[in-house]
Every structure is written in C-alpha cells, then in structure tokens.
C-alpha atoms as a PDB file:
ATOM      1  CA  MET A   1     113.595  80.874 128.401  1.00  0.00           C
ATOM      2  CA  THR A   2     115.900  81.774 125.505  1.00  0.00           C
ATOM      3  CA  SER A   3     117.400  85.229 125.207  1.00  0.00           C
ATOM      4  CA  ARG A   4     117.006  87.003 121.886  1.00  0.00           C
ATOM      5  CA  SER A   5     119.878  88.522 119.983  1.00  0.00           C
ATOM      6  CA  PRO A   6     120.175  92.313 120.247  1.00  0.00           C
ATOM      7  CA  GLN A   7     118.491  94.129 117.377  1.00  0.00           C
ATOM      8  CA  LEU A   8     119.894  97.054 115.410  1.00  0.00           C
ATOM      9  CA  THR A   9     117.873  99.539 117.460  1.00  0.00           C
ATOM     10  CA  ASP A  10     118.542  98.067 120.916  1.00  0.00           C
ATOM     11  CA  ALA A  11     120.456 100.374 123.238  1.00  0.00           C
ATOM     12  CA  VAL A  12     121.765 100.566 126.785  1.00  0.00           C
ATOM     13  CA  THR A  13     123.201 103.257 129.065  1.00  0.00           C
ATOM     14  CA  LEU A  14     125.386 102.882 132.115  1.00  0.00           C
ATOM     15  CA  ARG A  15     124.255 105.999 133.944  1.00  0.00           C
ATOM     16  CA  PRO A  16     121.058 108.078 133.945  1.00  0.00           C
ATOM     17  CA  GLY A  17     121.283 110.911 131.456  1.00  0.00           C
ATOM     18  CA  ALA A  18     124.224 109.438 129.554  1.00  0.00           C
ATOM     19  CA  VAL A  19     124.060 108.839 125.817  1.00  0.00           C
ATOM     20  CA  ALA A  20     123.064 105.345 124.715  1.00  0.00           C
ATOM     21  CA  PHE A  21     125.174 102.835 122.842  1.00  0.00           C
ATOM     22  CA  PRO A  22     124.238  99.613 120.966  1.00  0.00           C
ATOM     23  CA  ALA A  23     123.237  96.716 123.167  1.00  0.00           C
ATOM     24  CA  TRP A  24     125.870  94.392 121.664  1.00  0.00           C
ATOM     25  CA  TRP A  25     128.744  96.691 122.708  1.00  0.00           C
ATOM     26  CA  PRO A  26     130.394  95.688 126.014  1.00  0.00           C
ATOM     27  CA  ARG A  27     128.593  97.266 128.966  1.00  0.00           C
ATOM     28  CA  SER A  28     131.626  99.193 130.115  1.00  0.00           C
ATOM     29  CA  PRO A  29     132.742 102.771 130.796  1.00  0.00           C
ATOM     30  CA  ARG A  30     134.795 102.513 127.584  1.00  0.00           C
ATOM     31  CA  SER A  31     131.624 101.990 125.534  1.00  0.00           C
ATOM     32  CA  ALA A  32     130.041 104.949 127.284  1.00  0.00           C
ATOM     33  CA  MET A  33     133.026 107.112 126.307  1.00  0.00           C
ATOM     34  CA  LEU A  34     132.778 105.968 122.696  1.00  0.00           C
ATOM     35  CA  ALA A  35     129.105 106.906 122.739  1.00  0.00           C
ATOM     36  CA  GLY A  36     130.056 110.236 124.252  1.00  0.00           C
ATOM     37  CA  MET A  37     132.487 110.874 121.415  1.00  0.00           C
ATOM     38  CA  ALA A  38     129.792 110.049 118.845  1.00  0.00           C
ATOM     39  CA  ALA A  39     127.421 112.502 120.497  1.00  0.00           C
ATOM     40  CA  ALA A  40     130.071 115.225 120.772  1.00  0.00           C
ATOM     41  CA  CYS A  41     131.003 114.891 117.087  1.00  0.00           C
ATOM     42  CA  ALA A  42     127.359 114.912 116.011  1.00  0.00           C
ATOM     43  CA  GLN A  43     126.714 118.059 118.032  1.00  0.00           C
ATOM     44  CA  ASP A  44     129.789 120.163 117.259  1.00  0.00           C
ATOM     45  CA  GLY A  45     131.865 118.230 114.719  1.00  0.00           C
ATOM     46  CA  TYR A  46     135.093 116.425 115.516  1.00  0.00           C
ATOM     47  CA  VAL A  47     137.130 119.599 115.077  1.00  0.00           C
ATOM     48  CA  ASN A  48     135.273 121.228 117.981  1.00  0.00           C
ATOM     49  CA  ALA A  49     134.748 118.116 120.101  1.00  0.00           C
ATOM     50  CA  ARG A  50     136.835 118.230 123.254  1.00  0.00           C
ATOM     51  CA  VAL A  51     137.537 115.565 125.835  1.00  0.00           C
ATOM     52  CA  GLU A  52     135.370 117.560 128.245  1.00  0.00           C
ATOM     53  CA  ASN A  53     132.436 117.303 125.811  1.00  0.00           C
ATOM     54  CA  VAL A  54     132.876 113.542 125.524  1.00  0.00           C
ATOM     55  CA  ILE A  55     132.949 113.162 129.302  1.00  0.00           C
ATOM     56  CA  GLU A  56     129.837 115.285 129.678  1.00  0.00           C
ATOM     57  CA  HIS A  57     127.840 113.222 127.191  1.00  0.00           C
ATOM     58  CA  ALA A  58     129.048 109.965 128.753  1.00  0.00           C
ATOM     59  CA  ARG A  59     128.396 111.136 132.329  1.00  0.00           C
ATOM     60  CA  GLY A  60     131.881 109.893 133.148  1.00  0.00           C
ATOM     61  CA  SER A  61     135.133 111.311 134.473  1.00  0.00           C
ATOM     62  CA  ARG A  62     138.387 112.534 133.023  1.00  0.00           C
ATOM     63  CA  ARG A  63     140.205 109.763 134.854  1.00  0.00           C
ATOM     64  CA  THR A  64     137.983 107.167 133.184  1.00  0.00           C
ATOM     65  CA  PHE A  65     138.521 108.654 129.730  1.00  0.00           C
ATOM     66  CA  TYR A  66     142.311 108.514 130.017  1.00  0.00           C
ATOM     67  CA  ARG A  67     142.162 104.997 131.422  1.00  0.00           C
ATOM     68  CA  TYR A  68     141.027 103.834 127.987  1.00  0.00           C
ATOM     69  CA  PHE A  69     142.318 106.449 125.519  1.00  0.00           C
ATOM     70  CA  ASP A  70     145.513 108.433 125.089  1.00  0.00           C
ATOM     71  CA  ASN A  71     143.725 111.438 123.590  1.00  0.00           C
ATOM     72  CA  ARG A  72     140.631 112.408 121.604  1.00  0.00           C
ATOM     73  CA  GLU A  73     142.083 111.101 118.316  1.00  0.00           C
ATOM     74  CA  ASP A  74     142.695 107.715 119.898  1.00  0.00           C
ATOM     75  CA  CYS A  75     139.071 107.733 121.056  1.00  0.00           C
ATOM     76  CA  VAL A  76     137.559 108.724 117.700  1.00  0.00           C
ATOM     77  CA  LEU A  77     139.590 106.094 115.838  1.00  0.00           C
ATOM     78  CA  ALA A  78     138.408 103.453 118.308  1.00  0.00           C
ATOM     79  CA  LEU A  79     134.845 104.664 117.801  1.00  0.00           C
ATOM     80  CA  HIS A  80     135.196 104.477 114.023  1.00  0.00           C
ATOM     81  CA  GLU A  81     136.446 100.896 114.328  1.00  0.00           C
ATOM     82  CA  ALA A  82     133.461  99.944 116.500  1.00  0.00           C
ATOM     83  CA  ILE A  83     130.988 101.530 114.068  1.00  0.00           C
ATOM     84  CA  LEU A  84     132.572  99.802 111.078  1.00  0.00           C
ATOM     85  CA  GLU A  85     132.234  96.482 112.905  1.00  0.00           C
ATOM     86  CA  ASP A  86     128.564  97.327 113.492  1.00  0.00           C
ATOM     87  CA  CYS A  87     128.059  98.026 109.777  1.00  0.00           C
ATOM     88  CA  LEU A  88     129.741  94.799 108.712  1.00  0.00           C
ATOM     89  CA  ARG A  89     127.638  92.979 111.296  1.00  0.00           C
ATOM     90  CA  ALA A  90     124.502  94.561 109.877  1.00  0.00           C
ATOM     91  CA  VAL A  91     125.346  93.625 106.294  1.00  0.00           C
ATOM     92  CA  GLY A  92     126.237  90.053 107.220  1.00  0.00           C
ATOM     93  CA  ASP A  93     128.652  87.521 105.769  1.00  0.00           C
ATOM     94  CA  GLY A  94     128.673  85.715 102.462  1.00  0.00           C
ATOM     95  CA  PRO A  95     126.310  85.761  99.473  1.00  0.00           C
ATOM     96  CA  GLN A  96     122.797  86.922 100.319  1.00  0.00           C
ATOM     97  CA  GLU A  97     120.008  89.117  99.044  1.00  0.00           C
ATOM     98  CA  LEU A  98     121.311  92.612  98.314  1.00  0.00           C
ATOM     99  CA  GLU A  99     118.082  94.329  99.343  1.00  0.00           C
ATOM    100  CA  SER A 100     118.116  92.705 102.792  1.00  0.00           C
ATOM    101  CA  ALA A 101     121.758  93.592 103.362  1.00  0.00           C
ATOM    102  CA  LEU A 102     121.256  97.212 102.326  1.00  0.00           C
ATOM    103  CA  TRP A 103     118.053  97.529 104.335  1.00  0.00           C
ATOM    104  CA  ARG A 104     119.804  96.353 107.501  1.00  0.00           C
ATOM    105  CA  LEU A 105     122.638  98.799 106.926  1.00  0.00           C
ATOM    106  CA  MET A 106     120.263 101.704 106.271  1.00  0.00           C
ATOM    107  CA  THR A 107     118.236 100.720 109.349  1.00  0.00           C
ATOM    108  CA  TYR A 108     121.401 100.837 111.456  1.00  0.00           C
ATOM    109  CA  PHE A 109     122.225 104.311 110.127  1.00  0.00           C
ATOM    110  CA  ALA A 110     118.660 105.467 110.810  1.00  0.00           C
ATOM    111  CA  ALA A 111     118.746 104.109 114.367  1.00  0.00           C
ATOM    112  CA  TRP A 112     122.205 105.526 115.089  1.00  0.00           C
ATOM    113  CA  PRO A 113     122.510 108.775 113.078  1.00  0.00           C
ATOM    114  CA  ALA A 114     125.511 109.976 115.094  1.00  0.00           C
ATOM    115  CA  HIS A 115     127.313 106.788 114.089  1.00  0.00           C
ATOM    116  CA  ALA A 116     126.448 107.269 110.430  1.00  0.00           C
ATOM    117  CA  ARG A 117     127.798 110.803 110.551  1.00  0.00           C
ATOM    118  CA  LEU A 118     130.999 109.705 112.285  1.00  0.00           C
ATOM    119  CA  LEU A 119     131.629 106.887 109.817  1.00  0.00           C
ATOM    120  CA  LEU A 120     130.981 108.888 106.658  1.00  0.00           C
ATOM    121  CA  VAL A 121     131.778 112.507 107.554  1.00  0.00           C
ATOM    122  CA  GLU A 122     133.514 113.352 110.826  1.00  0.00           C
ATOM    123  CA  ILE A 123     136.278 110.762 110.612  1.00  0.00           C
ATOM    124  CA  LEU A 124     137.747 112.729 107.704  1.00  0.00           C
ATOM    125  CA  ALA A 125     138.539 115.570 110.117  1.00  0.00           C
ATOM    126  CA  ALA A 126     140.806 113.281 112.166  1.00  0.00           C
ATOM    127  CA  GLY A 127     143.909 113.913 110.072  1.00  0.00           C
ATOM    128  CA  ARG A 128     145.734 111.366 107.935  1.00  0.00           C
ATOM    129  CA  ALA A 129     144.830 108.501 110.225  1.00  0.00           C
ATOM    130  CA  GLY A 130     141.147 109.364 109.928  1.00  0.00           C
ATOM    131  CA  ALA A 131     141.311 109.660 106.144  1.00  0.00           C
ATOM    132  CA  ALA A 132     143.066 106.303 105.891  1.00  0.00           C
ATOM    133  CA  ARG A 133     140.459 104.670 108.132  1.00  0.00           C
ATOM    134  CA  HIS A 134     137.651 106.165 106.031  1.00  0.00           C
ATOM    135  CA  GLU A 135     139.106 104.859 102.774  1.00  0.00           C
ATOM    136  CA  ALA A 136     139.629 101.392 104.235  1.00  0.00           C
ATOM    137  CA  ALA A 137     136.121 101.306 105.700  1.00  0.00           C
ATOM    138  CA  ILE A 138     134.441 102.213 102.411  1.00  0.00           C
ATOM    139  CA  ALA A 139     136.515  99.554 100.652  1.00  0.00           C
ATOM    140  CA  GLN A 140     135.474  96.912 103.199  1.00  0.00           C
ATOM    141  CA  LEU A 141     131.803  97.795 102.993  1.00  0.00           C
ATOM    142  CA  SER A 142     131.921  97.899  99.190  1.00  0.00           C
ATOM    143  CA  GLU A 143     133.556  94.480  99.076  1.00  0.00           C
ATOM    144  CA  ARG A 144     131.027  92.993 101.487  1.00  0.00           C
ATOM    145  CA  LEU A 145     128.045  94.459  99.645  1.00  0.00           C
ATOM    146  CA  ALA A 146     129.485  93.462  96.273  1.00  0.00           C
ATOM    147  CA  GLU A 147     129.168  89.845  97.388  1.00  0.00           C
ATOM    148  CA  CYS A 148     125.406  90.393  97.470  1.00  0.00           C
ATOM    149  CA  ALA A 149     125.131  92.153  94.100  1.00  0.00           C
ATOM    150  CA  PRO A 150     124.404  90.403  90.802  1.00  0.00           C
ATOM    151  CA  THR A 151     127.469  89.606  88.713  1.00  0.00           C
ATOM    152  CA  PRO A 152     127.852  92.372  86.106  1.00  0.00           C
ATOM    153  CA  GLY A 153     127.266  91.272  82.513  1.00  0.00           C
ATOM    154  CA  ASP A 154     130.026  91.350  79.945  1.00  0.00           C
ATOM    155  CA  ASP A 155     128.213  94.070  78.040  1.00  0.00           C
ATOM    156  CA  GLY A 156     127.898  96.368  81.059  1.00  0.00           C
ATOM    157  CA  CYS A 157     131.260  98.121  80.980  1.00  0.00           C
ATOM    158  CA  PRO A 158     134.003  96.102  79.245  1.00  0.00           C
ATOM    159  CA  ALA A 159     136.722  98.613  80.176  1.00  0.00           C
ATOM    160  CA  LEU A 160     136.369  97.672  83.857  1.00  0.00           C
ATOM    161  CA  THR A 161     136.931  94.416  85.686  1.00  0.00           C
ATOM    162  CA  PRO A 162     133.981  93.092  87.745  1.00  0.00           C
ATOM    163  CA  GLU A 163     135.810  94.197  90.913  1.00  0.00           C
ATOM    164  CA  GLN A 164     136.324  97.726  89.578  1.00  0.00           C
ATOM    165  CA  LEU A 165     132.714  97.941  88.475  1.00  0.00           C
ATOM    166  CA  ALA A 166     131.532  96.834  91.909  1.00  0.00           C
ATOM    167  CA  GLN A 167     133.661  99.550  93.514  1.00  0.00           C
ATOM    168  CA  ALA A 168     132.176 102.150  91.149  1.00  0.00           C
ATOM    169  CA  GLN A 169     128.644 100.982  91.907  1.00  0.00           C
ATOM    170  CA  PHE A 170     129.054 101.190  95.648  1.00  0.00           C
ATOM    171  CA  GLY A 171     130.913 104.471  95.381  1.00  0.00           C
ATOM    172  CA  ALA A 172     127.694 105.842  93.883  1.00  0.00           C
ATOM    173  CA  LEU A 173     125.661 104.308  96.727  1.00  0.00           C
ATOM    174  CA  HIS A 174     128.023 105.918  99.226  1.00  0.00           C
ATOM    175  CA  MET A 175     127.457 109.352  97.722  1.00  0.00           C
ATOM    176  CA  LEU A 176     123.662 108.993  97.862  1.00  0.00           C
ATOM    177  CA  VAL A 177     123.778 107.918 101.505  1.00  0.00           C
ATOM    178  CA  LEU A 178     126.296 110.648 102.334  1.00  0.00           C
ATOM    179  CA  GLN A 179     123.950 113.324 100.969  1.00  0.00           C
ATOM    180  CA  ARG A 180     121.224 112.165 103.352  1.00  0.00           C
ATOM    181  CA  VAL A 181     123.614 112.033 106.303  1.00  0.00           C
ATOM    182  CA  ILE A 182     125.002 115.521 105.686  1.00  0.00           C
ATOM    183  CA  GLY A 183     121.458 116.799 105.321  1.00  0.00           C
ATOM    184  CA  GLY A 184     120.391 115.277 108.643  1.00  0.00           C
ATOM    185  CA  GLN A 185     118.009 112.870 106.903  1.00  0.00           C
ATOM    186  CA  GLU A 186     119.421 109.620 108.278  1.00  0.00           C
ATOM    187  CA  ARG A 187     116.023 108.384 109.430  1.00  0.00           C
ATOM    188  CA  SER A 188     114.800 108.370 105.825  1.00  0.00           C
ATOM    189  CA  LEU A 189     117.574 106.024 104.676  1.00  0.00           C
ATOM    190  CA  PRO A 190     115.619 102.735 104.924  1.00  0.00           C
ATOM    191  CA  ARG A 191     113.125 104.155 102.406  1.00  0.00           C
ATOM    192  CA  LEU A 192     116.030 104.707 100.017  1.00  0.00           C
ATOM    193  CA  THR A 193     116.841 100.983  99.924  1.00  0.00           C
ATOM    194  CA  PRO A 194     114.848 100.093  96.757  1.00  0.00           C
ATOM    195  CA  ALA A 195     116.526 102.887  94.801  1.00  0.00           C
ATOM    196  CA  LEU A 196     119.968 101.774  96.024  1.00  0.00           C
ATOM    197  CA  VAL A 197     119.236  98.198  94.982  1.00  0.00           C
ATOM    198  CA  ALA A 198     118.033  99.311  91.549  1.00  0.00           C
ATOM    199  CA  LEU A 199     121.195 101.381  91.078  1.00  0.00           C
ATOM    200  CA  ALA A 200     123.452  98.458  92.042  1.00  0.00           C
ATOM    201  CA  GLU A 201     121.585  95.983  89.840  1.00  0.00           C
ATOM    202  CA  ARG A 202     121.802  98.183  86.744  1.00  0.00           C
ATOM    203  CA  GLY A 203     125.569  97.702  86.765  1.00  0.00           C
END
C-alpha cells in the first residue's frame, strides 16, 4: 500500500485541544509552538501575542518553548520562514500553468488563514527583521509566480524591463490578496484565482 503525499489541507496535532499544523511539518513540539504562535497572532496580533499565549494554544510548556526559541521574535521569524516554505511548495518549481499555481497558493491561504495573516500582515509588526523578511518573501513569491506568467509583450510597458513588469504585476496581486486577508475573507481566495490570472496576463 502506497502512502499519499500530504495535501494542502491536511493537518495534525500533538495533543488534544492544541492548534493544528500542516501534516508535512515535522511532528514535534517545535511545530506545535509555531502553530501556537500563528494562532496567538491571528487572535490578538503579534504586538499583543505573549509567550504565555503561544504556550496555551500549543498545549505545551514554557520549558519547551525556550528549548527551541530564544524569545517570541525568534519564534515568529521561524514561523514566517516555515510559512514561506509552504507557499513556495504550493506554487511549485519551474514553468507551469499560472492558474494552477495561483489556485494552489490561494487554497493554502484559505486552509490556513492564520498563516496567510502572519505572512502578509503580522510579520510587519516584528520590527526591522520582520519587515526585511516580509520584503524578501514577497520578492521570492513574485519571482516564482513570474515564471508561470506569460512573457510580457514589447508593447505592454516599454519603460520597464520584463522583470520589473513582473514585480509590478505581482505587487498588484499581493494587494488584492492582502485586502481579503485583512478583511477576514481568506476562505474566499480560491474563487479570486481567475481574476488574479486575468490581471497577470494583461501585463
């Protein structure tokens, strides 16, 4: 019997009552703490999220938290890194159909709304390090998605290079997704996919 690969919506927990985390994350107390941080930020915002809140959501202990993280900033940056890896995993590698790549990404955001909010909103509250991580993450996602987009025509916007135009396109996509996330409408994001594809293809 072959085992199937974990899907975007698959989740596990380590203890009853604890928040869930994606099935492809390591089944470890560290993953539970990352999930606890995501839940704490979604509930109260990173500014108000305390280590005690993270521990409560994870059903863990203070000793366990500090085994893996120096402080709450260390934890939220590690969480952001894990979520970015999830997003890049969802989009996939190399040239492919843009609609499929965007649909998988929007499906991930819909399945894990706390992760979407952390990636696009709450990380900006984590000081300079958080802002730098956010900028780098958007650049990575834009670059990966640009590989799926049609090559812009020469008559589209001659003042910009193809790379600059791709960044502008996916900056617009980011803003549309961000509006849904801020408004608590993450679960509607997969239905937005056709409009996002049309926007990217117009160039």
